[in-house]
Amino acid sequence: MERSFPEAFVERVNKMGLKDIQAEPVLIDMVQQGVGDDYAVIIDRISQDVPFYRAYLKNAAISGTAVINNPFWWSADEKFFNNALAVKIGVPVPKTVILPSHERPTDTSDSSFSNLKFPLSWEKIFEHIGFPAYMKPHAGGGWKSVYKLNNMDDFFKAYSETGQLVMMLQEEIIFEDYFRCYCLGGKYVRIMQYEPRNPHHLRYQSNNGPASAKLLKQVNDYVLQLCHSLGYDFNTVEMAVRNGIPYAIDFCNPAPDADIKSVGQENFDWVVEHASKMAVERAQMQKPGQDNLTWGTFVRDGVANFESHNTSMASKAESKEKPKAEKTAKTKTKK
């Protein structure tokens, strides 16, 4: 269980000495529907593992708390959708397909899958993705149930071990450089060289030399573009660079690793400082009793398009129902 970041965050905010702003660990007792706590901002680091906390945070959010990250979007999001969205906004990602679970979900039968072609077009899938490839859950993280596959035999052996997990099959990006990037508040970005093939505690140690300013700017722009579209206030984005092009590999990390033992002192100090800035800014902006959540451009644009369409349709309907004005007859009097 991570402790270094939450404790350092609370200490940093309180050292700012700001009037009417104080940080503390959240303490939950009775949770009553539609009744919030007095928290202006909550940074969520645990609800992915505790469904009760997720329900509490949704209740807090509709009562005016700015929850970081948005618990409604976090509940809806997953990695395959992330990749699809990246394609639509022009951020390079590896070729990826989604696979049905190897075992039927609990309480389903053969008839539940009458819409699924069986067997799948495996040869077409393998031709599209190629080998080596990676297979990983479409939702989740922490490098759990991730397989590197060199051929079809590897694939079918690994696939048989995945049970009811819905998996993604993804092309391997053979990279010359790799970055893990914090993005906080939709504006604070820290690009860290990262080596995912190292043991966990050594992954932030890379033998690559400094990256070019042009490459770092491209990575920075892609990170912001992804996080703005998704609406995450606190996220990490991993980018693998192949032939000078950054590919987004993993960018659905709403409770990213921030433990000092893994990220190192310098990165830890940065994330504590900028998380504190972000939380204070959100507390100062908070409007009691209103929606203080961050919604990504994907959702906001969809709502705006829907409202625009409805307004247009209502205007057309009104013009059809409105009676035409009668023409006034004019007469001339001869003198």
Protein backbone atom coordinates (compact mmCIF):
# COMPACT_ATOMS: atom_id res chain seq x y z
CA MET A 1 0.00 0.00 0.00
CA GLU A 2 1.39 3.37 -1.07
CA ARG A 3 1.97 5.76 1.83
CA SER A 4 4.85 8.03 0.85
CA PHE A 5 2.90 10.20 -1.62
CA PRO A 6 -0.31 10.84 0.39
CA GLU A 7 1.63 11.72 3.53
CA ALA A 8 4.02 14.04 1.68
CA PHE A 9 1.11 15.66 -0.17
CA VAL A 10 -0.77 16.47 3.04
CA GLU A 11 2.39 17.87 4.62
CA ARG A 12 3.20 20.03 1.57
CA VAL A 13 -0.27 21.60 1.30
CA ASN A 14 -0.37 22.41 5.00
CA LYS A 15 3.09 24.00 4.87
CA MET A 16 1.73 26.53 2.36
CA GLY A 17 -0.10 28.19 5.25
CA LEU A 18 -3.06 29.18 3.10
CA LYS A 19 -6.11 30.67 4.74
CA ASP A 20 -9.13 28.32 4.81
CA ILE A 21 -7.25 25.48 3.02
CA GLN A 22 -6.09 22.42 4.93
CA ALA A 23 -5.23 18.91 3.71
CA GLU A 24 -5.94 15.67 5.59
CA PRO A 25 -6.58 11.99 4.85
CA VAL A 26 -10.27 11.45 4.06
CA LEU A 27 -12.18 9.76 6.88
CA ILE A 28 -15.51 8.15 5.92
CA ASP A 29 -18.28 7.21 8.31
CA MET A 30 -21.98 7.20 7.39
CA VAL A 31 -22.60 7.91 3.71
CA GLN A 32 -26.09 9.28 3.10
CA GLN A 33 -27.47 9.61 -0.41
CA GLY A 34 -27.24 13.14 -1.80
CA VAL A 35 -25.42 14.43 1.26
CA GLY A 36 -21.77 15.36 0.84
CA ASP A 37 -18.90 16.04 3.20
CA ASP A 38 -17.13 19.35 3.68
CA TYR A 39 -14.29 18.45 1.33
CA ALA A 40 -13.74 20.87 -1.54
CA VAL A 41 -11.27 18.50 -3.25
CA ILE A 42 -10.52 14.78 -2.91
CA ILE A 43 -7.59 13.10 -4.69
CA ASP A 44 -8.58 9.46 -5.22
CA ARG A 45 -5.76 6.90 -5.09
CA ILE A 46 -7.65 3.75 -4.05
CA SER A 47 -11.23 3.46 -5.38
CA GLN A 48 -10.09 1.22 -8.27
CA ASP A 49 -9.63 -1.47 -5.60
CA VAL A 50 -12.52 -0.60 -3.25
CA PRO A 51 -15.97 -0.28 -4.88
CA PHE A 52 -17.43 1.24 -1.68
CA TYR A 53 -15.02 4.16 -2.03
CA ARG A 54 -16.00 4.66 -5.67
CA ALA A 55 -19.69 4.90 -4.68
CA TYR A 56 -18.79 7.35 -1.88
CA LEU A 57 -16.82 9.53 -4.33
CA LYS A 58 -19.70 9.69 -6.83
CA ASN A 59 -21.97 10.82 -4.02
CA ALA A 60 -19.42 13.42 -2.95
CA ALA A 61 -19.05 14.62 -6.55
CA ILE A 62 -22.76 15.27 -7.09
CA SER A 63 -22.73 17.17 -3.79
CA GLY A 64 -20.03 19.57 -5.04
CA THR A 65 -16.67 17.99 -4.26
CA ALA A 66 -14.02 18.20 -7.00
CA VAL A 67 -12.94 14.55 -7.13
CA ILE A 68 -9.62 13.88 -8.84
CA ASN A 69 -10.01 11.89 -11.02
CA ASN A 70 -13.67 12.13 -12.13
CA PRO A 71 -15.18 8.90 -10.68
CA PHE A 72 -17.90 8.67 -13.34
CA TRP A 73 -15.44 8.82 -16.22
CA TRP A 74 -12.97 6.53 -14.47
CA SER A 75 -15.75 3.94 -14.08
CA ALA A 76 -16.58 4.15 -17.78
CA ASP A 77 -13.07 4.24 -19.20
CA GLU A 78 -10.78 1.38 -20.30
CA LYS A 79 -7.64 0.90 -22.35
CA PHE A 80 -9.16 -0.28 -25.64
CA PHE A 81 -11.40 2.79 -25.79
CA ASN A 82 -8.34 4.91 -24.99
CA ASN A 83 -6.62 3.55 -28.08
CA ALA A 84 -9.69 4.12 -30.23
CA LEU A 85 -9.91 7.72 -29.02
CA ALA A 86 -6.20 8.25 -29.72
CA VAL A 87 -6.74 7.11 -33.31
CA LYS A 88 -9.59 9.61 -33.70
CA ILE A 89 -7.58 12.57 -32.37
CA GLY A 90 -4.44 11.75 -34.34
CA VAL A 91 -2.10 10.42 -31.64
CA PRO A 92 -0.09 7.40 -32.87
CA VAL A 93 -0.81 4.11 -31.07
CA PRO A 94 0.17 0.48 -31.78
CA LYS A 95 -2.18 -1.61 -33.93
CA THR A 96 -4.61 -3.21 -31.48
CA VAL A 97 -7.60 -5.56 -31.50
CA ILE A 98 -9.86 -6.59 -28.65
CA LEU A 99 -10.61 -10.26 -27.93
CA PRO A 100 -13.57 -11.90 -26.19
CA SER A 101 -12.77 -13.62 -22.91
CA HIS A 102 -11.47 -17.16 -23.31
CA GLU A 103 -14.04 -18.42 -20.79
CA ARG A 104 -17.68 -17.40 -20.73
CA PRO A 105 -18.52 -14.81 -18.06
CA THR A 106 -20.40 -16.13 -15.04
CA ASP A 107 -24.17 -16.53 -15.56
CA THR A 108 -23.91 -16.67 -19.37
CA SER A 109 -24.47 -19.53 -21.82
CA ASP A 110 -23.69 -20.34 -25.44
CA SER A 111 -26.82 -18.47 -26.52
CA SER A 112 -25.43 -15.28 -24.93
CA PHE A 113 -22.85 -15.21 -27.72
CA SER A 114 -25.05 -15.65 -30.76
CA ASN A 115 -23.73 -12.33 -32.10
CA LEU A 116 -20.09 -13.45 -31.93
CA LYS A 117 -18.48 -15.16 -34.92
CA PHE A 118 -16.85 -18.44 -33.95
CA PRO A 119 -14.09 -19.14 -34.47
CA LEU A 120 -12.71 -15.65 -34.90
CA SER A 121 -10.71 -14.87 -38.03
CA TRP A 122 -7.43 -15.66 -36.28
CA GLU A 123 -5.26 -15.58 -39.38
CA LYS A 124 -6.59 -12.13 -40.29
CA ILE A 125 -5.99 -10.90 -36.73
CA PHE A 126 -2.41 -12.24 -36.63
CA GLU A 127 -1.64 -10.79 -40.07
CA HIS A 128 -2.89 -7.39 -38.92
CA ILE A 129 -0.98 -7.32 -35.61
CA GLY A 130 2.11 -9.38 -36.46
CA PHE A 131 4.56 -11.05 -34.09
CA PRO A 132 6.11 -10.40 -31.64
CA ALA A 133 3.02 -8.99 -29.98
CA TYR A 134 1.72 -8.19 -26.52
CA MET A 135 -1.52 -9.33 -24.93
CA LYS A 136 -2.93 -7.53 -21.90
CA PRO A 137 -6.30 -6.90 -20.22
CA HIS A 138 -8.45 -4.22 -21.82
CA ALA A 139 -9.04 -2.78 -18.34
CA GLY A 140 -6.65 -2.79 -15.42
CA GLY A 141 -3.01 -2.01 -14.84
CA GLY A 142 0.03 -2.76 -12.75
CA TRP A 143 1.49 -5.00 -15.47
CA LYS A 144 -0.88 -7.79 -14.37
CA SER A 145 -1.64 -10.57 -16.90
CA VAL A 146 0.64 -9.05 -19.58
CA TYR A 147 2.15 -11.53 -22.06
CA LYS A 148 4.82 -11.15 -24.71
CA LEU A 149 4.03 -13.50 -27.62
CA ASN A 150 6.43 -14.60 -30.33
CA ASN A 151 4.11 -16.77 -32.43
CA MET A 152 0.65 -18.32 -32.67
CA ASP A 153 1.53 -21.17 -30.29
CA ASP A 154 2.54 -18.63 -27.65
CA PHE A 155 -0.70 -16.78 -28.23
CA PHE A 156 -3.07 -19.72 -27.82
CA LYS A 157 -1.20 -21.00 -24.75
CA ALA A 158 -1.36 -17.59 -23.07
CA TYR A 159 -4.94 -16.95 -24.17
CA SER A 160 -6.03 -20.20 -22.50
CA GLU A 161 -4.71 -18.86 -19.19
CA THR A 162 -6.71 -15.61 -19.20
CA GLY A 163 -10.02 -17.00 -17.93
CA GLN A 164 -12.79 -14.40 -18.05
CA LEU A 165 -10.50 -11.44 -18.74
CA VAL A 166 -11.24 -9.46 -21.88
CA MET A 167 -7.86 -9.06 -23.55
CA MET A 168 -6.24 -6.81 -26.14
CA LEU A 169 -3.71 -8.05 -28.69
CA GLN A 170 -1.26 -5.33 -29.63
CA GLU A 171 1.69 -5.00 -31.97
CA GLU A 172 5.10 -4.66 -30.38
CA ILE A 173 6.74 -1.27 -30.77
CA ILE A 174 10.49 -1.85 -30.90
CA PHE A 175 11.61 1.45 -29.46
CA GLU A 176 14.79 3.47 -29.38
CA ASP A 177 13.53 5.63 -26.50
CA TYR A 178 10.73 5.42 -23.95
CA PHE A 179 9.10 8.01 -21.69
CA ARG A 180 6.71 7.94 -18.79
CA CYS A 181 5.02 11.28 -18.30
CA TYR A 182 3.06 12.74 -15.42
CA CYS A 183 0.24 15.07 -16.41
CA LEU A 184 -1.47 17.02 -13.61
CA GLY A 185 -4.25 19.55 -13.88
CA GLY A 186 -4.23 19.37 -17.65
CA LYS A 187 -1.14 21.61 -17.76
CA TYR A 188 1.72 20.37 -15.58
CA VAL A 189 3.76 17.77 -17.50
CA ARG A 190 6.92 15.96 -16.41
CA ILE A 191 8.62 13.78 -19.04
CA MET A 192 10.75 11.02 -17.51
CA GLN A 193 13.00 8.63 -19.40
CA TYR A 194 11.84 5.14 -18.52
CA GLU A 195 12.99 1.59 -19.21
CA PRO A 196 10.02 -0.81 -18.89
CA ARG A 197 12.26 -3.85 -19.39
CA ASN A 198 14.17 -3.16 -16.15
CA PRO A 199 13.10 -4.50 -12.74
CA HIS A 200 10.38 -2.30 -11.26
CA HIS A 201 12.67 -0.33 -8.93
CA LEU A 202 15.12 0.43 -11.78
CA ARG A 203 12.71 1.49 -14.51
CA TYR A 204 13.35 5.20 -14.07
CA GLN A 205 17.05 4.60 -14.79
CA SER A 206 17.78 4.79 -18.52
CA ASN A 207 21.07 4.60 -20.41
CA ASN A 208 19.74 6.70 -23.27
CA GLY A 209 21.22 10.15 -23.76
CA PRO A 210 19.15 13.36 -23.61
CA ALA A 211 16.28 13.49 -26.09
CA SER A 212 16.02 16.29 -28.64
CA ALA A 213 13.93 19.35 -27.89
CA LYS A 214 11.75 18.57 -30.93
CA LEU A 215 10.97 15.06 -29.71
CA LEU A 216 10.23 16.25 -26.17
CA LYS A 217 7.83 18.90 -27.48
CA GLN A 218 5.99 16.27 -29.55
CA VAL A 219 5.71 14.00 -26.51
CA ASN A 220 4.51 16.92 -24.38
CA ASP A 221 1.86 17.87 -26.96
CA TYR A 222 0.57 14.31 -27.28
CA VAL A 223 0.38 13.94 -23.48
CA LEU A 224 -1.73 17.09 -23.16
CA GLN A 225 -3.90 16.14 -26.13
CA LEU A 226 -4.70 12.73 -24.64
CA CYS A 227 -5.37 13.99 -21.12
CA HIS A 228 -7.55 16.85 -22.33
CA SER A 229 -9.62 14.44 -24.43
CA LEU A 230 -9.99 11.93 -21.60
CA GLY A 231 -10.47 14.53 -18.86
CA TYR A 232 -7.94 13.17 -16.37
CA ASP A 233 -6.53 15.60 -13.80
CA PHE A 234 -3.89 13.14 -12.57
CA ASN A 235 -2.53 10.64 -15.06
CA THR A 236 0.58 9.11 -16.56
CA VAL A 237 1.15 8.55 -20.26
CA GLU A 238 3.78 6.13 -21.56
CA MET A 239 5.29 6.86 -24.98
CA ALA A 240 7.53 4.49 -26.98
CA VAL A 241 9.57 6.14 -29.73
CA ARG A 242 10.03 4.19 -32.95
CA ASN A 243 11.82 5.79 -35.90
CA GLY A 244 11.47 9.16 -34.20
CA ILE A 245 7.68 8.84 -33.77
CA PRO A 246 6.22 8.69 -30.22
CA TYR A 247 3.53 6.02 -29.85
CA ALA A 248 1.16 6.17 -26.88
CA ILE A 249 1.44 2.77 -25.18
CA ASP A 250 -0.39 3.16 -21.89
CA PHE A 251 -2.35 6.22 -20.88
CA CYS A 252 -5.22 5.04 -18.68
CA ASN A 253 -3.52 5.43 -15.29
CA PRO A 254 -5.85 7.49 -13.07
CA ALA A 255 -3.99 6.37 -9.91
CA PRO A 256 -0.43 6.36 -11.24
CA ASP A 257 2.58 5.16 -9.28
CA ALA A 258 3.97 8.00 -7.18
CA ASP A 259 5.84 6.05 -4.52
CA ILE A 260 9.27 7.42 -3.71
CA LYS A 261 10.84 3.95 -3.79
CA SER A 262 9.95 3.43 -7.45
CA VAL A 263 9.91 6.91 -9.02
CA GLY A 264 12.97 8.26 -7.20
CA GLN A 265 13.44 11.40 -5.10
CA GLU A 266 13.52 13.98 -7.91
CA ASN A 267 10.35 12.73 -9.63
CA PHE A 268 8.67 12.26 -6.24
CA ASP A 269 9.39 15.86 -5.23
CA TRP A 270 7.99 17.11 -8.55
CA VAL A 271 4.72 15.15 -8.30
CA VAL A 272 4.16 16.14 -4.66
CA GLU A 273 4.75 19.83 -5.47
CA HIS A 274 2.52 19.92 -8.55
CA ALA A 275 -0.24 17.77 -7.07
CA SER A 276 -0.34 20.24 -4.18
CA LYS A 277 -0.55 23.19 -6.60
CA MET A 278 -3.31 21.50 -8.57
CA ALA A 279 -5.36 20.65 -5.46
CA VAL A 280 -5.08 24.18 -4.07
CA GLU A 281 -6.09 25.69 -7.42
CA ARG A 282 -9.14 23.42 -7.57
CA ALA A 283 -10.09 24.23 -3.97
CA GLN A 284 -9.93 27.96 -4.73
CA MET A 285 -12.09 27.47 -7.85
CA GLN A 286 -14.65 25.19 -6.17
CA LYS A 287 -18.29 26.27 -6.30
CA PRO A 288 -20.28 24.64 -3.45
CA GLY A 289 -23.17 22.43 -4.51
CA GLN A 290 -22.25 22.52 -8.21
CA ASP A 291 -20.50 20.12 -10.58
CA ASN A 292 -16.79 20.71 -9.97
CA LEU A 293 -15.55 17.68 -11.90
CA THR A 294 -13.28 17.75 -14.94
CA TRP A 295 -14.92 16.40 -18.09
CA GLY A 296 -12.78 15.66 -21.12
CA THR A 297 -13.34 17.17 -24.55
CA PHE A 298 -14.70 13.83 -25.79
CA VAL A 299 -17.66 14.14 -23.39
CA ARG A 300 -18.02 17.92 -23.59
CA ASP A 301 -17.99 17.96 -27.39
CA GLY A 302 -20.58 15.19 -27.46
CA VAL A 303 -22.88 17.10 -25.11
CA ALA A 304 -22.40 20.33 -27.10
CA ASN A 305 -23.21 18.57 -30.39
CA PHE A 306 -26.31 16.98 -28.88
CA GLU A 307 -27.55 20.29 -27.48
CA SER A 308 -26.85 22.06 -30.78
CA HIS A 309 -28.79 19.39 -32.67
CA ASN A 310 -31.75 19.63 -30.27
CA THR A 311 -31.78 23.42 -30.50
CA SER A 312 -31.75 23.24 -34.29
CA MET A 313 -34.58 20.69 -34.38
CA ALA A 314 -36.67 22.71 -31.92
CA SER A 315 -36.15 25.84 -34.03
CA LYS A 316 -37.26 24.03 -37.19
CA ALA A 317 -40.33 22.62 -35.44
CA GLU A 318 -41.28 26.05 -34.13
CA SER A 319 -40.98 27.64 -37.57
CA LYS A 320 -43.27 24.97 -39.06
CA GLU A 321 -45.92 25.51 -36.40
CA LYS A 322 -45.87 29.32 -36.59
CA PRO A 323 -48.71 30.61 -38.84
CA LYS A 324 -47.72 32.69 -41.80
CA ALA A 325 -48.42 36.41 -41.46
CA GLU A 326 -51.37 37.56 -43.55
CA LYS A 327 -50.62 40.07 -46.26
CA THR A 328 -52.20 43.51 -45.76
CA ALA A 329 -54.24 44.62 -48.75
CA LYS A 330 -53.61 48.14 -49.93
CA THR A 331 -56.10 50.23 -51.95
CA LYS A 332 -55.63 53.41 -53.79
CA THR A 333 -58.26 56.13 -53.82
CA LYS A 334 -58.73 58.02 -57.05
CA LYS A 335 -59.10 61.71 -56.71
